[in-house]
């Protein structure tokens, strides 16, 4: 009985101690950034050390991190990056999943590695055989010092196929390019979902138009959709058909279709949503 009483007392003491702990700011607070590039979700979880007046990267005892030596690229447990699909990291194939970012600073260039094992801050566990990809990138110098280490997913391309993993701390910075490929996934989605919902033909047609795919197929899909019920009155989709025709070089048909779209937009009770101007601009560009 006494043993049980002592155990209860110990549990109460542990619970009280946990509740009584004072919350204070962490020296290297947690940070995260995420973005979707194409159809790929990219996220980075890391800890953000401060400069605090220190010399960060160089050679000699006066520097926090040495040139030429493996660094966890952050504080505490290091920096973890994840990809929801396969990607290319600086042109190298990388499977979907989680990786620890490890780097080797340099005066002119950095080596940035994706390590398959989560080794935290213990760089003695870094092994070349566990490196999924290694990038050699230019060392960039910043005019304005960044106090807290920062990662960004920057420079997303207009066609949504690439971005940069951007590191900055103090006056040091580097970028590693990441590219994604979503065409096969979109094609599979088109094949599956247009059978279930014919309205998806419009999304398929727009994708083909904007990604430079088979325009004859895009036109066919748009015609299939516009032929159903009252769909031909949807001037925004008629305008897309005009754009497809224009890109195919069929100027006369494109102008006639744009004029049809514009007339329907003028008579739409809820407004034209800017499509009168869009059609005017398209017609002007074709004359």
Protein backbone atom coordinates (compact mmCIF):
# COMPACT_ATOMS: atom_id res chain seq x y z
CA UNK A 1 0.00 0.00 0.00
CA UNK A 2 2.84 2.33 0.90
CA UNK A 3 4.47 1.57 -2.46
CA UNK A 4 1.28 2.55 -4.33
CA UNK A 5 0.98 5.73 -2.28
CA UNK A 6 4.56 6.67 -3.13
CA UNK A 7 3.94 6.01 -6.83
CA UNK A 8 0.87 8.24 -6.80
CA UNK A 9 2.83 10.96 -5.06
CA UNK A 10 5.61 10.69 -7.66
CA UNK A 11 3.11 10.99 -10.52
CA UNK A 12 1.55 14.05 -8.93
CA UNK A 13 5.01 15.58 -8.50
CA UNK A 14 5.97 14.93 -12.15
CA UNK A 15 2.66 16.39 -13.37
CA UNK A 16 3.07 19.45 -11.15
CA UNK A 17 6.66 19.93 -12.32
CA UNK A 18 5.62 19.78 -15.98
CA UNK A 19 2.83 22.30 -15.39
CA UNK A 20 5.12 24.58 -13.41
CA UNK A 21 7.81 24.91 -16.11
CA UNK A 22 8.33 28.46 -17.34
CA UNK A 23 7.93 29.01 -21.10
CA UNK A 24 10.79 31.03 -22.57
CA UNK A 25 11.66 31.88 -26.20
CA UNK A 26 13.92 29.37 -27.94
CA UNK A 27 17.37 30.60 -29.08
CA UNK A 28 16.64 29.13 -32.53
CA UNK A 29 12.87 29.21 -33.06
CA UNK A 30 11.16 26.78 -35.40
CA UNK A 31 10.25 27.94 -38.89
CA UNK A 32 8.53 26.46 -41.91
CA UNK A 33 7.70 27.31 -45.49
CA UNK A 34 5.64 25.47 -48.08
CA UNK A 35 4.41 25.94 -51.61
CA UNK A 36 2.85 24.00 -54.44
CA UNK A 37 4.89 23.96 -57.64
CA UNK A 38 2.91 22.42 -60.48
CA UNK A 39 1.18 19.55 -58.68
CA UNK A 40 4.02 19.04 -56.19
CA UNK A 41 3.77 20.13 -52.56
CA UNK A 42 7.16 21.24 -51.24
CA UNK A 43 7.65 22.00 -47.56
CA UNK A 44 10.67 22.88 -45.44
CA UNK A 45 10.74 22.55 -41.63
CA UNK A 46 13.77 24.07 -39.90
CA UNK A 47 15.16 26.00 -36.95
CA UNK A 48 16.28 29.61 -37.29
CA UNK A 49 19.52 30.55 -35.52
CA UNK A 50 20.41 34.23 -35.26
CA UNK A 51 23.61 35.94 -36.34
CA UNK A 52 24.01 37.66 -32.95
CA UNK A 53 27.05 39.56 -34.12
CA UNK A 54 29.01 36.43 -34.99
CA UNK A 55 31.10 35.77 -38.09
CA UNK A 56 29.24 32.90 -39.71
CA UNK A 57 31.18 31.29 -42.56
CA UNK A 58 34.90 31.27 -43.23
CA UNK A 59 38.19 29.62 -42.37
CA UNK A 60 39.71 29.79 -38.90
CA UNK A 61 38.71 29.82 -35.25
CA UNK A 62 36.86 33.13 -35.57
CA UNK A 63 34.07 31.63 -37.69
CA UNK A 64 31.01 29.73 -36.52
CA UNK A 65 30.92 27.35 -39.52
CA UNK A 66 34.03 26.37 -41.45
CA UNK A 67 34.38 26.38 -45.21
CA UNK A 68 34.72 22.85 -46.53
CA UNK A 69 33.07 21.13 -43.56
CA UNK A 70 29.68 19.42 -43.47
CA UNK A 71 27.03 21.53 -41.73
CA UNK A 72 23.50 20.63 -40.69
CA UNK A 73 22.26 23.82 -42.38
CA UNK A 74 20.36 25.14 -39.42
CA UNK A 75 20.12 24.59 -35.70
CA UNK A 76 18.77 21.93 -33.34
CA UNK A 77 17.50 18.95 -35.37
CA UNK A 78 18.50 20.40 -38.74
CA UNK A 79 16.37 21.17 -41.78
CA UNK A 80 13.89 18.73 -43.33
CA UNK A 81 12.50 19.13 -46.85
CA UNK A 82 9.69 17.05 -48.30
CA UNK A 83 8.34 16.53 -51.82
CA UNK A 84 4.91 15.05 -52.50
CA UNK A 85 5.99 13.76 -55.93
CA UNK A 86 9.22 12.87 -57.66
CA UNK A 87 11.26 15.97 -58.60
CA UNK A 88 14.59 16.97 -60.09
CA UNK A 89 16.94 18.62 -57.58
CA UNK A 90 19.54 20.58 -59.53
CA UNK A 91 18.79 18.28 -62.46
CA UNK A 92 19.07 15.04 -60.46
CA UNK A 93 16.15 12.66 -60.02
CA UNK A 94 14.81 12.59 -56.46
CA UNK A 95 11.94 10.40 -55.25
CA UNK A 96 8.99 11.77 -53.33
CA UNK A 97 9.61 11.80 -49.58
CA UNK A 98 11.51 13.51 -46.78
CA UNK A 99 15.18 14.44 -46.75
CA UNK A 100 17.51 16.31 -44.44
CA UNK A 101 19.27 19.24 -46.09
CA UNK A 102 23.00 19.10 -45.37
CA UNK A 103 25.52 21.51 -46.85
CA UNK A 104 29.20 22.34 -47.17
CA UNK A 105 29.77 26.13 -47.21
CA UNK A 106 32.42 27.66 -49.44
CA UNK A 107 33.70 31.07 -50.44
CA UNK A 108 32.70 30.69 -54.09
CA UNK A 109 30.25 27.79 -54.03
CA UNK A 110 28.19 25.64 -51.71
CA UNK A 111 27.49 21.95 -51.91
CA UNK A 112 23.93 21.16 -50.90
CA UNK A 113 22.91 17.57 -50.27
CA UNK A 114 19.65 15.73 -49.66
CA UNK A 115 20.38 13.08 -47.04
CA UNK A 116 17.96 10.15 -46.86
CA UNK A 117 18.61 9.54 -43.15
CA UNK A 118 17.47 12.07 -40.55
CA UNK A 119 20.72 12.62 -38.63
CA UNK A 120 19.77 15.80 -36.78
CA UNK A 121 22.81 17.75 -35.69
CA UNK A 122 25.20 14.79 -35.53
CA UNK A 123 27.27 15.22 -38.68
CA UNK A 124 29.38 12.17 -37.81
CA UNK A 125 26.39 10.18 -39.09
CA UNK A 126 26.53 11.88 -42.49
CA UNK A 127 27.30 9.26 -45.15
CA UNK A 128 27.84 9.80 -48.86
CA UNK A 129 25.94 6.59 -49.65
CA UNK A 130 22.84 8.12 -48.07
CA UNK A 131 22.94 11.22 -50.29
CA UNK A 132 20.02 11.19 -52.75
CA UNK A 133 21.28 14.25 -54.64
CA UNK A 134 24.13 16.74 -54.40
CA UNK A 135 24.05 20.22 -55.92
CA UNK A 136 26.99 22.56 -56.38
CA UNK A 137 25.65 26.12 -56.47
CA UNK A 138 27.06 29.63 -56.51
CA UNK A 139 27.73 31.32 -53.17
CA UNK A 140 25.87 34.63 -53.23
CA UNK A 141 26.66 37.62 -51.01
CA UNK A 142 23.79 39.75 -49.68
CA UNK A 143 24.04 43.50 -49.27
CA UNK A 144 21.65 43.46 -46.31
CA UNK A 145 22.33 40.96 -43.56
CA UNK A 146 19.56 38.48 -42.65
CA UNK A 147 19.55 38.10 -38.86
CA UNK A 148 17.50 34.88 -38.66
CA UNK A 149 18.34 32.01 -41.00
CA UNK A 150 15.64 31.83 -43.65
CA UNK A 151 14.48 29.36 -46.27
CA UNK A 152 12.12 30.32 -49.09
CA UNK A 153 10.60 28.51 -52.06
CA UNK A 154 11.14 31.30 -54.56
CA UNK A 155 11.20 32.16 -58.25
CA UNK A 156 8.31 29.89 -59.26
CA UNK A 157 8.31 29.91 -63.06
CA UNK A 158 5.44 31.21 -65.17
CA UNK A 159 4.68 27.70 -66.41
CA UNK A 160 4.75 26.33 -62.84
CA UNK A 161 7.44 23.75 -63.59
CA UNK A 162 10.34 25.08 -61.51
CA UNK A 163 11.32 26.97 -58.37
CA UNK A 164 14.37 27.65 -56.21
CA UNK A 165 15.11 26.47 -52.70
CA UNK A 166 16.53 29.76 -51.39
CA UNK A 167 18.72 29.95 -48.27
CA UNK A 168 19.82 33.19 -46.58
CA UNK A 169 21.65 33.87 -43.33
CA UNK A 170 23.84 36.82 -42.48
CA UNK A 171 25.30 37.92 -45.80
CA UNK A 172 25.42 34.39 -47.22
CA UNK A 173 22.87 32.98 -49.64
CA UNK A 174 22.40 30.24 -52.20
CA UNK A 175 19.68 28.89 -54.47
CA UNK A 176 19.10 25.32 -55.62
CA UNK A 177 16.75 24.77 -58.60
CA UNK A 178 13.95 22.23 -58.33
CA UNK A 179 11.90 21.18 -61.36
CA UNK A 180 8.69 19.18 -61.51
CA UNK A 181 6.83 17.32 -64.24
CA UNK A 182 3.07 17.13 -64.05
CA UNK A 183 2.10 16.46 -67.68
CA UNK A 184 1.56 12.71 -67.31
CA UNK A 185 -0.49 13.22 -64.15
CA UNK A 186 -2.70 15.80 -65.87
CA UNK A 187 -3.14 13.54 -68.89
CA UNK A 188 -4.20 10.65 -66.66
CA UNK A 189 -6.63 12.96 -64.85
CA UNK A 190 -8.11 14.11 -68.15
CA UNK A 191 -8.57 10.53 -69.34
CA UNK A 192 -10.28 9.49 -66.12
CA UNK A 193 -12.41 12.50 -65.22
CA UNK A 194 -13.77 13.59 -68.58
CA UNK A 195 -15.55 10.23 -68.68
CA UNK A 196 -17.23 11.02 -65.36
CA UNK A 197 -17.92 14.75 -65.80
CA UNK A 198 -18.05 16.18 -69.34
CA UNK A 199 -17.59 19.72 -67.96
CA UNK A 200 -13.96 18.74 -67.42
CA UNK A 201 -13.50 18.98 -71.18
CA UNK A 202 -13.10 22.73 -70.77
CA UNK A 203 -10.30 22.34 -68.21
CA UNK A 204 -8.61 19.81 -70.50
CA UNK A 205 -8.90 22.18 -73.47
CA UNK A 206 -7.43 25.09 -71.50
CA UNK A 207 -4.53 22.94 -70.32
CA UNK A 208 -3.77 21.87 -73.89
CA UNK A 209 -4.01 25.47 -75.08
CA UNK A 210 -1.72 26.92 -72.42
CA UNK A 211 0.83 24.11 -72.40
CA UNK A 212 1.21 23.90 -76.16
CA UNK A 213 -0.34 20.47 -76.62
CA UNK A 214 -2.52 19.15 -79.47
CA UNK A 215 -4.73 22.12 -80.43
CA UNK A 216 -6.97 20.01 -82.67
CA UNK A 217 -7.81 17.91 -79.62
CA UNK A 218 -8.34 21.03 -77.51
CA UNK A 219 -10.79 22.37 -80.10
CA UNK A 220 -12.60 19.05 -80.25
CA UNK A 221 -13.03 18.98 -76.46
CA UNK A 222 -14.31 22.55 -76.40
CA UNK A 223 -16.80 21.85 -79.19
CA UNK A 224 -18.03 18.74 -77.36
CA UNK A 225 -18.72 20.80 -74.26
CA UNK A 226 -20.36 23.75 -76.04
CA UNK A 227 -22.67 21.39 -77.94
CA UNK A 228 -24.36 20.20 -74.74
CA UNK A 229 -27.59 21.91 -73.66
CA UNK A 230 -27.25 25.66 -73.09
CA UNK A 231 -23.46 25.55 -72.77
CA UNK A 232 -22.99 27.53 -75.97
CA UNK A 233 -24.29 30.58 -74.10
CA UNK A 234 -21.32 30.51 -71.72
CA UNK A 235 -19.37 33.30 -73.41
CA UNK A 236 -16.25 32.72 -71.29
CA UNK A 237 -15.87 29.24 -72.79
CA UNK A 238 -16.72 30.53 -76.26
CA UNK A 239 -13.86 33.00 -75.79
CA UNK A 240 -11.52 30.10 -74.97
CA UNK A 241 -12.56 28.45 -78.23
CA UNK A 242 -11.68 31.68 -80.04
CA UNK A 243 -8.23 31.65 -78.41
CA UNK A 244 -7.67 28.06 -79.54
CA UNK A 245 -8.66 28.94 -83.10
CA UNK A 246 -6.36 31.97 -83.01
CA UNK A 247 -3.41 29.88 -81.86
CA UNK A 248 -4.14 27.40 -84.64
CA UNK A 249 -3.81 30.24 -87.13
CA UNK A 250 -7.49 30.15 -88.09
CA UNK A 251 -7.93 33.92 -87.89
CA UNK A 252 -11.30 34.20 -89.67
CA UNK A 253 -12.92 31.54 -87.48
CA UNK A 254 -11.30 33.00 -84.35
CA UNK A 255 -12.65 36.51 -85.07
CA UNK A 256 -16.16 35.17 -85.72
CA UNK A 257 -16.06 33.14 -82.49
CA UNK A 258 -14.74 36.10 -80.48
CA UNK A 259 -17.54 38.29 -81.87
CA UNK A 260 -20.06 35.63 -80.85
CA UNK A 261 -18.56 35.53 -77.36
CA UNK A 262 -18.63 39.34 -77.11
CA UNK A 263 -22.28 39.57 -78.16
CA UNK A 264 -23.28 36.98 -75.59
CA UNK A 265 -21.24 38.78 -72.92
CA UNK A 266 -23.08 42.05 -73.65
CA UNK A 267 -26.44 40.35 -73.12
CA UNK A 268 -25.49 38.46 -69.96
CA UNK A 269 -27.65 39.70 -67.09
CA UNK A 270 -24.92 39.37 -64.45
CA UNK A 271 -22.28 41.35 -66.32
CA UNK A 272 -19.55 40.51 -68.79
CA UNK A 273 -16.74 39.79 -66.25
CA UNK A 274 -14.32 41.69 -68.49
CA UNK A 275 -14.88 39.46 -71.51
CA UNK A 276 -16.05 42.25 -73.80
CA UNK A 277 -12.57 43.79 -73.46
CA UNK A 278 -10.86 40.41 -73.79
CA UNK A 279 -12.68 39.68 -77.02
CA UNK A 280 -11.99 43.16 -78.38
CA UNK A 281 -8.30 42.71 -77.66
CA UNK A 282 -8.24 39.27 -79.28
CA UNK A 283 -10.01 40.52 -82.41
CA UNK A 284 -7.65 43.52 -82.61
CA UNK A 285 -4.62 41.22 -82.39
CA UNK A 286 -5.90 39.15 -85.32
CA UNK A 287 -6.51 42.01 -87.75
